Protein backbone atom coordinates (compact mmCIF):
# COMPACT_ATOMS: atom_id res chain seq x y z
CA UNK A 1 90.36 76.49 107.30
CA UNK A 2 91.57 73.66 105.13
CA UNK A 3 95.60 72.88 105.24
CA UNK A 4 96.36 73.95 101.51
CA UNK A 5 93.90 76.94 100.80
CA UNK A 6 94.19 79.94 101.18
CA UNK A 7 91.56 82.13 102.75
CA UNK A 8 90.29 85.89 100.82
CA UNK A 9 88.78 88.44 102.36
CA UNK A 10 88.38 92.07 100.16
CA UNK A 11 91.03 94.46 102.08
CA UNK A 12 89.48 96.03 104.81
CA UNK A 13 89.16 99.81 105.14
CA UNK A 14 91.42 99.32 108.28
CA UNK A 15 94.31 98.19 106.23
CA UNK A 16 93.85 101.25 103.41
CA UNK A 17 96.18 103.67 103.82
CA UNK A 18 95.63 106.65 105.70
CA UNK A 19 97.31 109.41 103.84
CA UNK A 20 95.50 107.94 100.59
CA UNK A 21 92.24 106.70 102.06
CA UNK A 22 92.57 103.09 99.13
CA UNK A 23 94.45 99.82 98.79
CA UNK A 24 98.56 100.90 99.15
CA UNK A 25 99.04 100.24 95.49
CA UNK A 26 103.35 99.92 95.95
CA UNK A 27 105.95 98.79 97.49
CA UNK A 28 107.40 101.37 100.22
CA UNK A 29 110.65 99.11 98.95
CA UNK A 30 111.26 98.77 95.53
CA UNK A 31 107.41 100.30 94.04
CA UNK A 32 106.27 96.54 92.85
CA UNK A 33 102.54 96.90 91.87
CA UNK A 34 100.63 95.24 94.38
CA UNK A 35 97.17 94.61 93.82
CA UNK A 36 97.59 92.03 90.44
CA UNK A 37 96.30 88.76 91.96
CA UNK A 38 99.33 86.59 92.80
CA UNK A 39 101.31 89.49 94.51
CA UNK A 40 102.38 88.66 97.79
CA UNK A 41 102.87 91.51 100.50
CA UNK A 42 101.63 92.89 103.75
CA UNK A 43 100.86 96.06 105.47
CA UNK A 44 102.22 96.92 109.28
CA UNK A 45 100.70 100.45 110.87
CA UNK A 46 101.63 102.09 114.04
CA UNK A 47 98.67 103.97 115.60
CA UNK A 48 98.89 106.30 117.85
CA UNK A 49 95.33 106.42 120.69
CA UNK A 50 94.50 109.45 122.36
CA UNK A 51 92.36 108.13 124.84
CA UNK A 52 90.51 110.82 126.55
CA UNK A 53 89.07 112.31 122.84
CA UNK A 54 87.93 109.04 121.01
CA UNK A 55 90.44 109.11 118.23
CA UNK A 56 93.57 108.36 117.13
CA UNK A 57 96.93 109.08 114.57
CA UNK A 58 99.07 107.18 112.15
CA UNK A 59 102.70 107.59 113.17
CA UNK A 60 103.54 105.06 110.36
CA UNK A 61 102.57 103.00 107.69
CA UNK A 62 103.74 100.74 104.80
CA UNK A 63 103.41 97.79 102.53
CA UNK A 64 106.15 96.08 101.62
CA UNK A 65 106.16 92.82 98.96
CA UNK A 66 106.72 89.47 100.16
CA UNK A 67 110.44 89.69 98.70
CA UNK A 68 111.56 92.74 99.92
CA UNK A 69 110.05 91.81 103.05
CA UNK A 70 112.23 88.84 103.49
CA UNK A 71 115.39 90.52 102.48
CA UNK A 72 114.61 93.01 105.25
CA UNK A 73 114.57 89.80 107.79
CA UNK A 74 117.38 88.20 106.12
CA UNK A 75 119.38 91.60 107.30
CA UNK A 76 117.96 91.07 111.45
CA UNK A 77 120.78 88.77 113.67
CA UNK A 78 120.25 85.39 113.82
CA UNK A 79 119.91 85.97 117.21
CA UNK A 80 117.15 88.16 116.78
CA UNK A 81 115.25 85.93 114.57
CA UNK A 82 115.27 83.01 116.58
CA UNK A 83 114.50 84.79 120.33
CA UNK A 84 111.46 86.53 117.78
CA UNK A 85 110.39 82.82 117.18
CA UNK A 86 111.24 81.80 120.29
CA UNK A 87 108.57 84.48 122.21
CA UNK A 88 105.71 83.87 119.81
CA UNK A 89 105.73 80.06 119.62
CA UNK A 90 105.43 80.30 123.44
CA UNK A 91 102.46 82.32 123.08
CA UNK A 92 100.43 79.71 120.04
CA UNK A 93 101.13 77.24 122.43
CA UNK A 94 99.94 79.26 125.67
CA UNK A 95 97.28 80.66 124.00
CA UNK A 96 96.20 76.92 122.46
CA UNK A 97 96.02 76.28 118.02
CA UNK A 98 93.29 77.74 118.39
CA UNK A 99 94.44 80.73 119.70
CA UNK A 100 94.53 81.93 115.66
CA UNK A 101 92.18 79.93 113.97
CA UNK A 102 89.25 82.28 112.60
CA UNK A 103 85.98 80.95 111.63
CA UNK A 104 84.95 82.94 108.63
CA UNK A 105 81.30 82.50 108.63
CA UNK A 106 81.09 84.86 111.99
CA UNK A 107 84.49 86.37 111.34
CA UNK A 108 84.05 90.18 112.20
CA UNK A 109 87.33 92.32 111.89
CA UNK A 110 86.96 95.04 114.26
CA UNK A 111 85.94 92.19 117.18
CA UNK A 112 89.83 90.47 116.02
CA UNK A 113 91.69 93.63 116.11
CA UNK A 114 90.35 94.77 118.90
CA UNK A 115 92.88 93.43 121.30
CA UNK A 116 97.04 92.72 121.63
CA UNK A 117 97.24 89.10 119.58
CA UNK A 118 100.30 88.26 122.86
CA UNK A 119 99.17 89.85 125.79
CA UNK A 120 94.80 90.45 125.10
CA UNK A 121 95.58 93.98 125.83
CA UNK A 122 92.66 96.23 124.52
CA UNK A 123 93.72 98.60 122.27
CA UNK A 124 91.64 101.25 123.60
CA UNK A 125 94.19 101.02 126.87
CA UNK A 126 97.12 101.11 125.00
CA UNK A 127 98.80 104.64 124.05
CA UNK A 128 100.42 103.12 120.61
CA UNK A 129 99.42 99.52 118.91
CA UNK A 130 100.92 98.06 115.76
CA UNK A 131 98.02 96.19 112.80
CA UNK A 132 99.80 94.36 110.54
CA UNK A 133 97.96 91.31 107.95
CA UNK A 134 99.15 89.35 104.45
CA UNK A 135 97.46 89.73 101.41
CA UNK A 136 97.22 88.95 98.17
CA UNK A 137 96.79 91.72 95.58
CA UNK A 138 93.70 93.14 96.47
CA UNK A 139 92.44 90.29 98.87
CA UNK A 140 93.29 89.67 103.03
CA UNK A 141 95.21 86.72 103.44
CA UNK A 142 93.40 84.91 106.36
CA UNK A 143 95.39 81.79 106.45
CA UNK A 144 97.69 83.83 108.40
CA UNK A 145 95.38 86.22 110.78
CA UNK A 146 95.64 89.91 111.09
CA UNK A 147 97.25 90.83 114.53
CA UNK A 148 98.06 93.59 116.57
CA UNK A 149 100.66 94.67 118.50
CA UNK A 150 100.13 96.38 121.62
CA UNK A 151 103.08 98.29 123.40
CA UNK A 152 103.84 95.67 126.09
CA UNK A 153 104.45 93.58 123.33
CA UNK A 154 105.99 95.69 121.46
CA UNK A 155 108.37 96.32 124.46
CA UNK A 156 108.97 92.21 125.45
CA UNK A 157 110.17 91.87 121.76
CA UNK A 158 112.06 95.23 121.40
CA UNK A 159 114.77 93.44 124.56
CA UNK A 160 114.68 90.36 122.41
CA UNK A 161 116.44 92.37 119.94
CA UNK A 162 120.63 92.87 119.35
CA UNK A 163 122.20 96.19 118.51
CA UNK A 164 122.81 95.10 115.04
CA UNK A 165 118.73 94.80 114.45
CA UNK A 166 117.70 97.56 115.47
CA UNK A 167 120.05 99.82 114.08
CA UNK A 168 119.05 97.36 110.80
CA UNK A 169 115.37 98.74 111.64
CA UNK A 170 116.28 102.10 112.34
CA UNK A 171 118.05 102.89 108.90
CA UNK A 172 115.13 101.10 106.87
CA UNK A 173 112.27 103.36 109.03
CA UNK A 174 114.81 106.20 108.62
CA UNK A 175 115.10 105.49 104.62
CA UNK A 176 111.44 104.45 104.20
CA UNK A 177 109.46 106.14 106.79
CA UNK A 178 110.16 108.93 108.10
CA UNK A 179 111.44 110.74 110.43
CA UNK A 180 114.98 109.99 111.55
CA UNK A 181 114.28 107.75 114.83
CA UNK A 182 115.35 109.92 117.93
CA UNK A 183 113.09 112.66 116.06
CA UNK A 184 110.45 110.25 116.36
CA UNK A 185 111.01 109.15 119.98
CA UNK A 186 110.79 113.16 120.58
CA UNK A 187 107.14 112.74 118.58
CA UNK A 188 105.75 110.56 119.23
CA UNK A 189 107.25 108.50 122.75
CA UNK A 190 109.32 105.33 123.21
CA UNK A 191 110.63 103.74 119.19
CA UNK A 192 108.51 101.26 118.23
CA UNK A 193 109.70 98.03 116.28
CA UNK A 194 109.08 96.54 112.96
CA UNK A 195 107.68 92.90 112.24
């Protein structure tokens, strides 16, 4: 892909709101309308597999505009932010640059999102995982490819976070995504992290 040029595709149904059955329209935090061209945002979903039934359920899902995402990231401790940056940089260095470059001529989203970006574990073998991508209006931005974050990677990343950052994330989940983190853990198992 050319540096500087933004590559986009129509929003895949996989990134629609499962609750609404259509693309996310509003920022979960500030309520900003997201589908206007030039509006940058992130969609993240946490999913639970029921392997013996070939079925999954959505634990949480949200869309958040880039301004709110940046504000929330600023609530992360410097130590946590640096630890996550080092983790990501080490994975990319290990995989080599080609691991995150997409050939748009033969790109298949389901193939790309069939395994954890960090560990390579297939999603069919996971109990829980998260999927995240960046968008601009009614398009998914492919310069920063969508990714699956599997349960092993989530566990590894959670150990890199300070107590302050974990409290911030739990506060965000409680305020904007639903059940109290303790209730979520009781219902769905171990806690997930926001990226």
